[in-house]
Amino acid sequence: MFEGDFIEYKNMFTNDYKTFVSVSRNRLLSVLERCLLIISRDVKQTRVVFEISDGKLDIHAANSFGNFDDEIDIDFDGEDLRIGFAPNYLIDICKAVDEEKLNMYFISSLSPCIIRS
């Protein structure tokens, strides 16, 4: 049996999201893989920034190896948002899902993103 205080994870997963994005899984996967080819020699150190607004998902990354910028058309509802991700985790999600669309729910730039197919 485990003892101790555990993180209140249930409070992180709420339906009170402020930004909703529906994006093509294949397009997102393609952009993220291309991003890693251009700027990454150490995947663990690479971060991408998503800027979400007006039906567009702008993806940016930069480090000493190079700069990356791309844009994806999305279905969008809610507030504009800027949030960072480790791209390798998003790539894993894209590869694990069989559906064409990924639905992403955001509360804030400091909260977890919930992804559903």
C-alpha atoms as a PDB file:
ATOM      1  CA  MET A   1       0.000   0.000   0.000  1.00  0.00           C
ATOM      2  CA  PHE A   2       1.198   3.495  -0.856  1.00  0.00           C
ATOM      3  CA  GLU A   3       1.151   6.213   1.746  1.00  0.00           C
ATOM      4  CA  GLY A   4       1.569   9.948   1.449  1.00  0.00           C
ATOM      5  CA  ASP A   5       0.044  12.941  -0.233  1.00  0.00           C
ATOM      6  CA  PHE A   6      -0.681  12.651  -3.922  1.00  0.00           C
ATOM      7  CA  ILE A   7      -1.312  15.353  -6.474  1.00  0.00           C
ATOM      8  CA  GLU A   8      -4.967  16.319  -6.894  1.00  0.00           C
ATOM      9  CA  TYR A   9      -5.018  15.173 -10.519  1.00  0.00           C
ATOM     10  CA  LYS A  10      -8.814  15.044 -10.827  1.00  0.00           C
ATOM     11  CA  ASN A  11      -8.945  18.836 -10.479  1.00  0.00           C
ATOM     12  CA  MET A  12      -6.707  19.172 -13.550  1.00  0.00           C
ATOM     13  CA  PHE A  13      -9.237  17.502 -15.847  1.00  0.00           C
ATOM     14  CA  THR A  14     -12.263  19.712 -16.154  1.00  0.00           C
ATOM     15  CA  ASN A  15     -14.797  20.492 -18.844  1.00  0.00           C
ATOM     16  CA  ASP A  16     -14.355  24.229 -18.205  1.00  0.00           C
ATOM     17  CA  TYR A  17     -11.931  24.733 -21.064  1.00  0.00           C
ATOM     18  CA  LYS A  18     -11.382  28.194 -22.558  1.00  0.00           C
ATOM     19  CA  THR A  19      -9.933  27.164 -25.919  1.00  0.00           C
ATOM     20  CA  PHE A  20     -10.962  24.301 -28.196  1.00  0.00           C
ATOM     21  CA  VAL A  21      -8.994  23.172 -31.246  1.00  0.00           C
ATOM     22  CA  SER A  22      -9.776  20.426 -33.736  1.00  0.00           C
ATOM     23  CA  VAL A  23      -6.771  19.638 -35.922  1.00  0.00           C
ATOM     24  CA  SER A  24      -5.841  17.085 -38.560  1.00  0.00           C
ATOM     25  CA  ARG A  25      -3.810  14.392 -36.831  1.00  0.00           C
ATOM     26  CA  ASN A  26      -1.773  13.639 -39.980  1.00  0.00           C
ATOM     27  CA  ARG A  27      -0.996  17.309 -40.635  1.00  0.00           C
ATOM     28  CA  LEU A  28       0.062  17.918 -37.021  1.00  0.00           C
ATOM     29  CA  LEU A  29       2.244  14.803 -37.048  1.00  0.00           C
ATOM     30  CA  SER A  30       3.901  15.868 -40.308  1.00  0.00           C
ATOM     31  CA  VAL A  31       4.658  19.375 -39.012  1.00  0.00           C
ATOM     32  CA  LEU A  32       6.055  18.142 -35.683  1.00  0.00           C
ATOM     33  CA  GLU A  33       8.276  15.515 -37.306  1.00  0.00           C
ATOM     34  CA  ARG A  34       9.607  18.107 -39.764  1.00  0.00           C
ATOM     35  CA  CYS A  35      10.250  20.486 -36.883  1.00  0.00           C
ATOM     36  CA  LEU A  36      12.372  17.899 -35.091  1.00  0.00           C
ATOM     37  CA  LEU A  37      14.375  17.216 -38.249  1.00  0.00           C
ATOM     38  CA  ILE A  38      15.213  20.885 -38.628  1.00  0.00           C
ATOM     39  CA  ILE A  39      16.022  22.027 -35.108  1.00  0.00           C
ATOM     40  CA  SER A  40      16.703  19.036 -32.904  1.00  0.00           C
ATOM     41  CA  ARG A  41      19.743  17.051 -32.079  1.00  0.00           C
ATOM     42  CA  ASP A  42      18.468  16.300 -28.586  1.00  0.00           C
ATOM     43  CA  VAL A  43      14.715  15.636 -28.616  1.00  0.00           C
ATOM     44  CA  LYS A  44      14.474  16.027 -24.837  1.00  0.00           C
ATOM     45  CA  GLN A  45      15.676  19.630 -25.075  1.00  0.00           C
ATOM     46  CA  THR A  46      13.375  20.673 -27.918  1.00  0.00           C
ATOM     47  CA  ARG A  47      10.232  22.671 -27.202  1.00  0.00           C
ATOM     48  CA  VAL A  48       7.613  23.949 -29.601  1.00  0.00           C
ATOM     49  CA  VAL A  49       5.293  26.875 -29.032  1.00  0.00           C
ATOM     50  CA  PHE A  50       1.703  26.774 -30.235  1.00  0.00           C
ATOM     51  CA  GLU A  51       0.025  30.110 -30.938  1.00  0.00           C
ATOM     52  CA  ILE A  52      -3.689  29.533 -31.390  1.00  0.00           C
ATOM     53  CA  SER A  53      -5.980  32.188 -32.840  1.00  0.00           C
ATOM     54  CA  ASP A  54      -8.449  32.916 -35.632  1.00  0.00           C
ATOM     55  CA  GLY A  55      -8.608  29.405 -37.091  1.00  0.00           C
ATOM     56  CA  LYS A  56      -4.816  29.018 -37.259  1.00  0.00           C
ATOM     57  CA  LEU A  57      -2.313  27.046 -35.242  1.00  0.00           C
ATOM     58  CA  ASP A  58       1.137  28.623 -35.603  1.00  0.00           C
ATOM     59  CA  ILE A  59       3.942  26.318 -34.507  1.00  0.00           C
ATOM     60  CA  HIS A  60       7.321  27.856 -33.647  1.00  0.00           C
ATOM     61  CA  ALA A  61      10.572  26.457 -32.336  1.00  0.00           C
ATOM     62  CA  ALA A  62      14.076  27.834 -32.101  1.00  0.00           C
ATOM     63  CA  ASN A  63      17.399  26.837 -30.660  1.00  0.00           C
ATOM     64  CA  SER A  64      21.082  27.017 -31.566  1.00  0.00           C
ATOM     65  CA  PHE A  65      20.530  24.566 -34.458  1.00  0.00           C
ATOM     66  CA  GLY A  66      17.885  26.582 -36.249  1.00  0.00           C
ATOM     67  CA  ASN A  67      14.417  28.109 -36.387  1.00  0.00           C
ATOM     68  CA  PHE A  68      11.127  26.515 -37.361  1.00  0.00           C
ATOM     69  CA  ASP A  69       7.776  28.108 -38.209  1.00  0.00           C
ATOM     70  CA  ASP A  70       4.693  26.539 -39.745  1.00  0.00           C
ATOM     71  CA  GLU A  71       0.954  27.067 -39.746  1.00  0.00           C
ATOM     72  CA  ILE A  72      -1.994  24.660 -39.697  1.00  0.00           C
ATOM     73  CA  ASP A  73      -5.647  25.449 -40.371  1.00  0.00           C
ATOM     74  CA  ILE A  74      -7.823  24.391 -37.444  1.00  0.00           C
ATOM     75  CA  ASP A  75     -11.365  24.482 -36.187  1.00  0.00           C
ATOM     76  CA  PHE A  76     -11.154  26.880 -33.272  1.00  0.00           C
ATOM     77  CA  ASP A  77     -13.432  28.127 -30.537  1.00  0.00           C
ATOM     78  CA  GLY A  78     -12.643  30.254 -27.509  1.00  0.00           C
ATOM     79  CA  GLU A  79      -9.761  32.421 -26.404  1.00  0.00           C
ATOM     80  CA  ASP A  80      -6.449  32.935 -28.197  1.00  0.00           C
ATOM     81  CA  LEU A  81      -3.662  31.006 -26.509  1.00  0.00           C
ATOM     82  CA  ARG A  82       0.119  30.616 -26.506  1.00  0.00           C
ATOM     83  CA  ILE A  83       1.427  27.383 -24.967  1.00  0.00           C
ATOM     84  CA  GLY A  84       4.607  25.285 -25.101  1.00  0.00           C
ATOM     85  CA  PHE A  85       4.982  21.537 -25.596  1.00  0.00           C
ATOM     86  CA  ALA A  86       7.619  18.856 -25.833  1.00  0.00           C
ATOM     87  CA  PRO A  87       6.965  17.721 -29.417  1.00  0.00           C
ATOM     88  CA  ASN A  88       7.958  14.099 -28.873  1.00  0.00           C
ATOM     89  CA  TYR A  89       4.933  13.574 -26.589  1.00  0.00           C
ATOM     90  CA  LEU A  90       2.576  15.063 -29.172  1.00  0.00           C
ATOM     91  CA  ILE A  91       4.126  12.873 -31.863  1.00  0.00           C
ATOM     92  CA  ASP A  92       3.485   9.806 -29.705  1.00  0.00           C
ATOM     93  CA  ILE A  93      -0.160  10.824 -29.310  1.00  0.00           C
ATOM     94  CA  CYS A  94      -0.570  11.388 -33.056  1.00  0.00           C
ATOM     95  CA  LYS A  95       0.877   7.944 -33.789  1.00  0.00           C
ATOM     96  CA  ALA A  96      -1.321   6.223 -31.189  1.00  0.00           C
ATOM     97  CA  VAL A  97      -4.628   7.620 -32.468  1.00  0.00           C
ATOM     98  CA  ASP A  98      -6.396   6.209 -35.527  1.00  0.00           C
ATOM     99  CA  GLU A  99      -8.918   9.031 -35.988  1.00  0.00           C
ATOM    100  CA  GLU A 100      -8.317  11.773 -38.551  1.00  0.00           C
ATOM    101  CA  LYS A 101      -9.029  14.636 -36.117  1.00  0.00           C
ATOM    102  CA  LEU A 102      -7.588  15.397 -32.708  1.00  0.00           C
ATOM    103  CA  ASN A 103      -9.666  17.547 -30.381  1.00  0.00           C
ATOM    104  CA  MET A 104      -7.562  19.597 -27.980  1.00  0.00           C
ATOM    105  CA  TYR A 105      -9.022  21.350 -24.932  1.00  0.00           C
ATOM    106  CA  PHE A 106      -7.060  24.087 -23.141  1.00  0.00           C
ATOM    107  CA  ILE A 107      -7.796  25.872 -19.881  1.00  0.00           C
ATOM    108  CA  SER A 108      -4.722  28.111 -19.831  1.00  0.00           C
ATOM    109  CA  SER A 109      -1.099  28.169 -20.913  1.00  0.00           C
ATOM    110  CA  LEU A 110      -0.134  26.712 -17.520  1.00  0.00           C
ATOM    111  CA  SER A 111      -2.718  23.921 -17.354  1.00  0.00           C
ATOM    112  CA  PRO A 112      -2.637  20.462 -18.926  1.00  0.00           C
ATOM    113  CA  CYS A 113      -4.054  20.072 -22.394  1.00  0.00           C
ATOM    114  CA  ILE A 114      -6.670  17.369 -22.812  1.00  0.00           C
ATOM    115  CA  ILE A 115      -6.553  15.576 -26.157  1.00  0.00           C
ATOM    116  CA  ARG A 116      -9.366  13.378 -27.425  1.00  0.00           C
ATOM    117  CA  SER A 117      -9.928  11.709 -30.772  1.00  0.00           C
END
